[in-house]
Amino acid sequence: MKPILPGGRGPAVEDVQRRLHALGYDLGPTGIDGVFLGMTHDAIVAFQRENELSEDGIVGEETWSALVDATFTLGDRVLYLRLPHFHGRDVRALQEALGALGFMAVEPDGIFGPNTERAVREFQRNSGQPVDGIVGTETVRLVERLRHVWEGRSASLHPRSGSARPDPIAVLTRTSVAVAGDDVTARDIANRIVNVALASEPTARIALLEDVDGAEVTIRVVTEGEDASGVPVVVAGGDDVDSLAGRIITALAAADPGQRRIAIDVEVTDGSDQALQRTAVRMFDAICRALAR
């Protein structure tokens, strides 16, 4: 982005001022006027100081990104575990709500990391939702419905959420896995699987196929009707994670023991970010469970 400098005028300055105003900064008697002078400049410097940014009074990429993150409210975007981690006011609000409801194991920090994802999954499981760790419309709706329970309460740290990471994920620190995709959608899902794995366990030995050499297990994601090139194929329909894991185990057993190459055929009927992430999370969970058995 082009930096917004002191003395600047226009819609971009107004956007900055609206965000500062929403955060409670005093912009003086002129308020949101599209002019980057005086108290607007002072407010930017104060914001930079409070967020440990360079106090240069310029709205560059870092300051703009921090401003945007600070003004997200819960429900403005879909949250899930990824690298780089989502961070911002909406994440902190989610953590505070989950903490007050008894699902968080650490203090709110505004970063959607593995602890927060585990708390979301536990919340979803407890409330009968699909357990995917994705904070979309339904999860936000239920959090908001429980506002009368958590609002104003201090976080009650949940001891079970802070326990050691389940063994199925730890298997990725012992087994090297390469994931690939043959078309745009399949590559997107493959990339999401790797991203979730590394966001969950930074030492996981998993990478996209072009980034790894001699992996112990190679998994190709294919979309319906694509050629799987003679390797065992797992059809991933609407099965639950355990069923999908069982199919992966069967395919690995049937694969060439010297290569252990399989394909997972995915039917994609919804190409939205949330749907693709849910597919990737389900596949990631199933792969971990299959390799751990």
Protein backbone atom coordinates (compact mmCIF):
# COMPACT_ATOMS: atom_id res chain seq x y z
CA MET A 1 0.00 0.00 0.00
CA LYS A 2 0.99 3.61 -0.48
CA PRO A 3 1.85 5.15 2.93
CA ILE A 4 -0.57 7.77 4.27
CA LEU A 5 1.57 10.71 5.32
CA PRO A 6 0.90 13.61 7.71
CA GLY A 7 -0.75 16.41 5.75
CA GLY A 8 -2.59 13.96 3.52
CA ARG A 9 -6.27 14.38 2.69
CA GLY A 10 -9.04 12.23 1.28
CA PRO A 11 -11.05 9.02 1.76
CA ALA A 12 -8.04 6.98 2.92
CA VAL A 13 -7.48 9.44 5.77
CA GLU A 14 -11.19 9.29 6.64
CA ASP A 15 -10.94 5.48 6.86
CA VAL A 16 -8.00 5.77 9.25
CA GLN A 17 -9.89 8.33 11.34
CA ARG A 18 -12.99 6.13 11.54
CA ARG A 19 -10.90 3.26 12.85
CA LEU A 20 -9.14 5.50 15.38
CA HIS A 21 -12.50 6.89 16.50
CA ALA A 22 -13.89 3.34 16.90
CA LEU A 23 -10.91 2.56 19.13
CA GLY A 24 -11.66 5.56 21.34
CA TYR A 25 -8.96 7.97 20.24
CA ASP A 26 -9.76 11.69 20.50
CA LEU A 27 -9.59 13.35 17.08
CA GLY A 28 -10.45 16.82 18.36
CA PRO A 29 -13.33 19.12 17.43
CA THR A 30 -13.02 18.51 13.68
CA GLY A 31 -13.40 14.76 14.13
CA ILE A 32 -13.51 12.67 10.95
CA ASP A 33 -12.71 15.30 8.34
CA GLY A 34 -10.32 13.51 5.99
CA VAL A 35 -7.35 15.68 6.99
CA PHE A 36 -4.25 14.04 8.47
CA LEU A 37 -3.06 16.75 10.83
CA GLY A 38 -3.07 17.72 14.51
CA MET A 39 -4.87 15.26 16.77
CA THR A 40 -5.17 12.64 14.04
CA HIS A 41 -1.38 12.55 13.84
CA ASP A 42 -1.16 12.44 17.66
CA ALA A 43 -3.67 9.56 17.73
CA ILE A 44 -1.65 7.57 15.19
CA VAL A 45 1.54 8.04 17.22
CA ALA A 46 -0.31 6.97 20.38
CA PHE A 47 -1.69 3.90 18.58
CA GLN A 48 1.79 3.00 17.33
CA ARG A 49 3.23 3.38 20.83
CA GLU A 50 0.54 1.17 22.40
CA ASN A 51 1.07 -1.51 19.74
CA GLU A 52 4.88 -1.39 19.89
CA LEU A 53 5.21 -0.06 16.34
CA SER A 54 7.64 2.52 15.01
CA GLU A 55 6.33 5.89 16.28
CA ASP A 56 6.82 7.73 12.99
CA GLY A 57 3.27 9.07 12.64
CA ILE A 58 2.99 7.48 9.18
CA VAL A 59 0.31 4.95 8.29
CA GLY A 60 2.41 2.37 6.47
CA GLU A 61 1.72 -1.33 5.98
CA GLU A 62 2.46 -2.36 9.58
CA THR A 63 0.39 0.42 11.14
CA TRP A 64 -2.48 -0.08 8.68
CA SER A 65 -2.51 -3.85 9.30
CA ALA A 66 -2.55 -3.29 13.06
CA LEU A 67 -5.38 -0.75 12.73
CA VAL A 68 -7.47 -3.17 10.65
CA ASP A 69 -6.87 -6.03 13.10
CA ALA A 70 -7.74 -3.81 16.05
CA THR A 71 -11.10 -2.85 14.56
CA PHE A 72 -12.42 -6.26 13.51
CA THR A 73 -15.45 -7.36 15.51
CA LEU A 74 -16.41 -11.00 16.02
CA GLY A 75 -18.26 -12.20 12.93
CA ASP A 76 -16.60 -9.78 10.50
CA ARG A 77 -14.50 -12.63 9.07
CA VAL A 78 -14.22 -16.39 9.27
CA LEU A 79 -11.52 -17.45 11.75
CA TYR A 80 -9.55 -20.69 11.67
CA LEU A 81 -6.08 -22.04 12.37
CA ARG A 82 -3.58 -21.01 9.70
CA LEU A 83 -0.16 -19.47 9.15
CA PRO A 84 0.22 -16.59 9.61
CA HIS A 85 -2.20 -16.77 12.51
CA PHE A 86 -5.28 -14.55 12.48
CA HIS A 87 -4.92 -11.86 15.12
CA GLY A 88 -7.01 -8.91 16.18
CA ARG A 89 -9.80 -7.64 18.39
CA ASP A 90 -12.28 -10.22 17.09
CA VAL A 91 -9.94 -13.05 18.10
CA ARG A 92 -9.51 -11.59 21.58
CA ALA A 93 -13.30 -11.23 21.94
CA LEU A 94 -13.69 -14.89 20.98
CA GLN A 95 -11.01 -15.95 23.46
CA GLU A 96 -12.59 -13.93 26.25
CA ALA A 97 -16.00 -15.49 25.56
CA LEU A 98 -14.59 -19.04 25.41
CA GLY A 99 -12.55 -18.38 28.55
CA ALA A 100 -15.59 -17.19 30.49
CA LEU A 101 -17.50 -20.26 29.27
CA GLY A 102 -14.68 -22.51 30.52
CA PHE A 103 -13.00 -23.62 27.31
CA MET A 104 -9.72 -21.66 27.20
CA ALA A 105 -6.49 -22.76 28.88
CA VAL A 106 -4.43 -19.59 28.37
CA GLU A 107 -4.96 -15.87 28.79
CA PRO A 108 -6.47 -14.05 25.77
CA ASP A 109 -3.74 -12.70 23.49
CA GLY A 110 -5.68 -11.89 20.32
CA ILE A 111 -3.86 -14.60 18.32
CA PHE A 112 -5.78 -17.54 16.84
CA GLY A 113 -3.23 -20.27 17.55
CA PRO A 114 -3.50 -23.97 18.43
CA ASN A 115 -4.83 -23.31 21.96
CA THR A 116 -7.68 -21.21 20.60
CA GLU A 117 -8.45 -23.75 17.87
CA ARG A 118 -8.66 -26.55 20.46
CA ALA A 119 -10.98 -24.41 22.58
CA VAL A 120 -13.21 -23.74 19.55
CA ARG A 121 -13.37 -27.47 18.78
CA GLU A 122 -14.29 -28.28 22.37
CA PHE A 123 -16.95 -25.56 22.35
CA GLN A 124 -18.37 -26.91 19.08
CA ARG A 125 -18.37 -30.48 20.39
CA ASN A 126 -20.05 -29.37 23.61
CA SER A 127 -22.76 -27.48 21.70
CA GLY A 128 -23.48 -30.15 19.09
CA GLN A 129 -21.97 -28.30 16.12
CA PRO A 130 -19.72 -29.78 13.43
CA VAL A 131 -16.29 -30.01 15.10
CA ASP A 132 -14.03 -28.30 12.57
CA GLY A 133 -12.33 -25.52 14.55
CA ILE A 134 -13.70 -22.93 12.12
CA VAL A 135 -15.42 -19.87 13.56
CA GLY A 136 -18.04 -19.20 10.92
CA THR A 137 -21.62 -17.96 11.03
CA GLU A 138 -23.06 -20.78 13.16
CA THR A 139 -20.30 -20.74 15.78
CA VAL A 140 -20.44 -16.95 16.07
CA ARG A 141 -24.23 -17.12 16.33
CA LEU A 142 -24.03 -19.52 19.26
CA VAL A 143 -21.31 -17.48 21.01
CA GLU A 144 -23.51 -14.40 20.67
CA ARG A 145 -26.57 -16.31 21.90
CA LEU A 146 -24.60 -17.09 25.08
CA ARG A 147 -23.53 -13.47 25.58
CA HIS A 148 -25.69 -13.18 28.71
CA VAL A 149 -23.57 -16.00 30.20
CA TRP A 150 -20.05 -14.80 29.36
CA GLU A 151 -20.27 -11.02 29.05
CA GLY A 152 -18.63 -9.29 32.00
CA ARG A 153 -17.24 -12.52 33.44
CA SER A 154 -13.56 -13.22 33.89
CA ALA A 155 -12.04 -16.05 31.90
CA SER A 156 -12.26 -19.42 33.63
CA LEU A 157 -9.28 -21.30 32.28
CA HIS A 158 -10.20 -24.84 31.28
CA PRO A 159 -7.52 -27.30 32.44
CA ARG A 160 -8.29 -29.95 29.83
CA SER A 161 -7.80 -27.53 26.92
CA GLY A 162 -4.23 -26.95 27.99
CA SER A 163 -3.27 -30.60 28.01
CA ALA A 164 -0.65 -32.06 25.72
CA ARG A 165 -1.43 -32.19 22.01
CA PRO A 166 -3.15 -35.43 21.04
CA ASP A 167 -0.85 -38.21 19.73
CA PRO A 168 -2.39 -38.26 16.21
CA ILE A 169 -0.88 -34.84 15.48
CA ALA A 170 2.46 -35.73 17.06
CA VAL A 171 2.85 -38.47 14.42
CA LEU A 172 3.73 -35.75 11.91
CA THR A 173 6.94 -35.07 13.82
CA ARG A 174 8.00 -38.69 13.16
CA THR A 175 6.68 -39.33 9.65
CA SER A 176 7.49 -37.17 6.63
CA VAL A 177 4.48 -36.43 4.42
CA ALA A 178 4.25 -34.74 1.03
CA VAL A 179 0.89 -33.36 -0.14
CA ALA A 180 0.06 -32.31 -3.69
CA GLY A 181 -2.91 -31.20 -5.76
CA ASP A 182 -3.48 -31.58 -9.49
CA ASP A 183 -5.71 -28.59 -10.20
CA VAL A 184 -6.37 -25.18 -8.68
CA THR A 185 -8.94 -26.38 -6.14
CA ALA A 186 -6.97 -29.50 -5.22
CA ARG A 187 -3.78 -27.46 -4.76
CA ASP A 188 -5.71 -25.01 -2.58
CA ILE A 189 -6.87 -27.88 -0.34
CA ALA A 190 -3.37 -29.40 -0.27
CA ASN A 191 -1.87 -26.06 0.72
CA ARG A 192 -4.48 -25.67 3.48
CA ILE A 193 -3.67 -29.14 4.85
CA VAL A 194 0.02 -28.25 5.10
CA ASN A 195 -0.81 -24.84 6.56
CA VAL A 196 -3.06 -26.31 9.27
CA ALA A 197 -0.44 -28.94 10.09
CA LEU A 198 2.36 -26.40 10.56
CA ALA A 199 0.08 -24.03 12.47
CA SER A 200 -0.83 -26.93 14.78
CA GLU A 201 2.68 -28.32 15.15
CA PRO A 202 5.58 -26.18 13.84
CA THR A 203 7.95 -29.18 13.79
CA ALA A 204 5.61 -31.29 11.64
CA ARG A 205 7.44 -32.97 8.77
CA ILE A 206 4.89 -32.08 6.13
CA ALA A 207 5.19 -29.98 2.99
CA LEU A 208 3.80 -29.48 -0.49
CA LEU A 209 5.22 -31.99 -2.95
CA GLU A 210 7.53 -29.51 -4.69
CA ASP A 211 9.05 -28.55 -1.33
CA VAL A 212 9.97 -32.03 -0.10
CA ASP A 213 12.25 -34.80 -1.33
CA GLY A 214 11.87 -38.49 -0.50
CA ALA A 215 8.85 -38.24 1.82
CA GLU A 216 7.74 -41.45 3.52
CA VAL A 217 4.11 -40.85 2.53
CA THR A 218 2.83 -38.95 -0.51
CA ILE A 219 -0.81 -37.89 -0.69
CA ARG A 220 -2.28 -36.39 -3.84
CA VAL A 221 -5.54 -34.49 -3.58
CA VAL A 222 -7.66 -34.93 -6.69
CA THR A 223 -11.07 -33.60 -7.56
CA GLU A 224 -13.90 -35.77 -8.82
CA GLY A 225 -13.09 -37.45 -12.11
CA GLU A 226 -9.35 -36.64 -12.16
CA ASP A 227 -6.91 -39.43 -13.02
CA ALA A 228 -5.18 -40.80 -9.92
CA SER A 229 -2.40 -42.44 -12.00
CA GLY A 230 -2.73 -45.98 -10.72
CA VAL A 231 -2.28 -45.38 -6.98
CA PRO A 232 -4.85 -46.46 -4.35
CA VAL A 233 -7.65 -43.91 -4.22
CA VAL A 234 -9.60 -42.87 -1.12
CA VAL A 235 -13.03 -41.46 -1.95
CA ALA A 236 -13.68 -38.69 0.56
CA GLY A 237 -17.40 -38.13 0.59
CA GLY A 238 -19.42 -36.98 3.56
CA ASP A 239 -17.77 -39.49 5.87
CA ASP A 240 -16.83 -38.57 9.40
CA VAL A 241 -13.13 -38.29 10.28
CA ASP A 242 -12.84 -41.83 11.67
CA SER A 243 -14.38 -43.36 8.54
CA LEU A 244 -12.09 -41.34 6.31
CA ALA A 245 -9.09 -42.35 8.44
CA GLY A 246 -10.07 -45.99 8.02
CA ARG A 247 -10.16 -45.61 4.25
CA ILE A 248 -6.74 -43.95 4.27
CA ILE A 249 -5.32 -46.83 6.35
CA THR A 250 -6.72 -49.30 3.81
CA ALA A 251 -5.22 -47.36 0.89
CA LEU A 252 -1.80 -47.10 2.56
CA ALA A 253 -1.82 -50.84 3.19
CA ALA A 254 -2.56 -51.44 -0.49
CA ALA A 255 0.11 -49.01 -1.71
CA ASP A 256 3.62 -49.95 -2.80
CA PRO A 257 5.41 -50.32 0.58
CA GLY A 258 8.51 -48.68 -0.83
CA GLN A 259 6.68 -45.51 -1.82
CA ARG A 260 3.36 -45.36 0.12
CA ARG A 261 1.66 -43.12 -2.42
CA ILE A 262 -2.11 -42.66 -2.35
CA ALA A 263 -4.69 -40.23 -3.67
CA ILE A 264 -7.71 -38.74 -1.93
CA ASP A 265 -10.59 -37.94 -4.28
CA VAL A 266 -12.60 -34.97 -3.02
CA GLU A 267 -15.96 -33.84 -4.34
CA VAL A 268 -16.09 -30.04 -4.15
CA THR A 269 -19.58 -28.57 -4.39
CA ASP A 270 -18.83 -25.37 -2.50
CA GLY A 271 -15.67 -23.41 -3.30
CA SER A 272 -16.02 -20.89 -0.50
CA ASP A 273 -13.10 -20.24 1.83
CA GLN A 274 -14.94 -21.76 4.78
CA ALA A 275 -15.99 -24.91 2.89
CA LEU A 276 -12.48 -25.53 1.53
CA GLN A 277 -10.98 -24.98 4.97
CA ARG A 278 -13.47 -27.42 6.51
CA THR A 279 -12.52 -30.03 3.89
CA ALA A 280 -8.82 -29.49 4.57
CA VAL A 281 -9.29 -29.76 8.35
CA ARG A 282 -11.27 -32.99 8.00
CA MET A 283 -8.61 -34.46 5.72
CA PHE A 284 -5.81 -33.32 8.02
CA ASP A 285 -7.45 -34.94 11.05
CA ALA A 286 -8.04 -38.17 9.13
CA ILE A 287 -4.46 -38.31 7.80
CA CYS A 288 -3.07 -37.84 11.33
CA ARG A 289 -5.32 -40.54 12.78
CA ALA A 290 -4.48 -42.94 9.94
CA LEU A 291 -0.72 -42.50 10.31
CA ALA A 292 -0.93 -42.84 14.10
CA ARG A 293 -2.53 -46.31 13.94
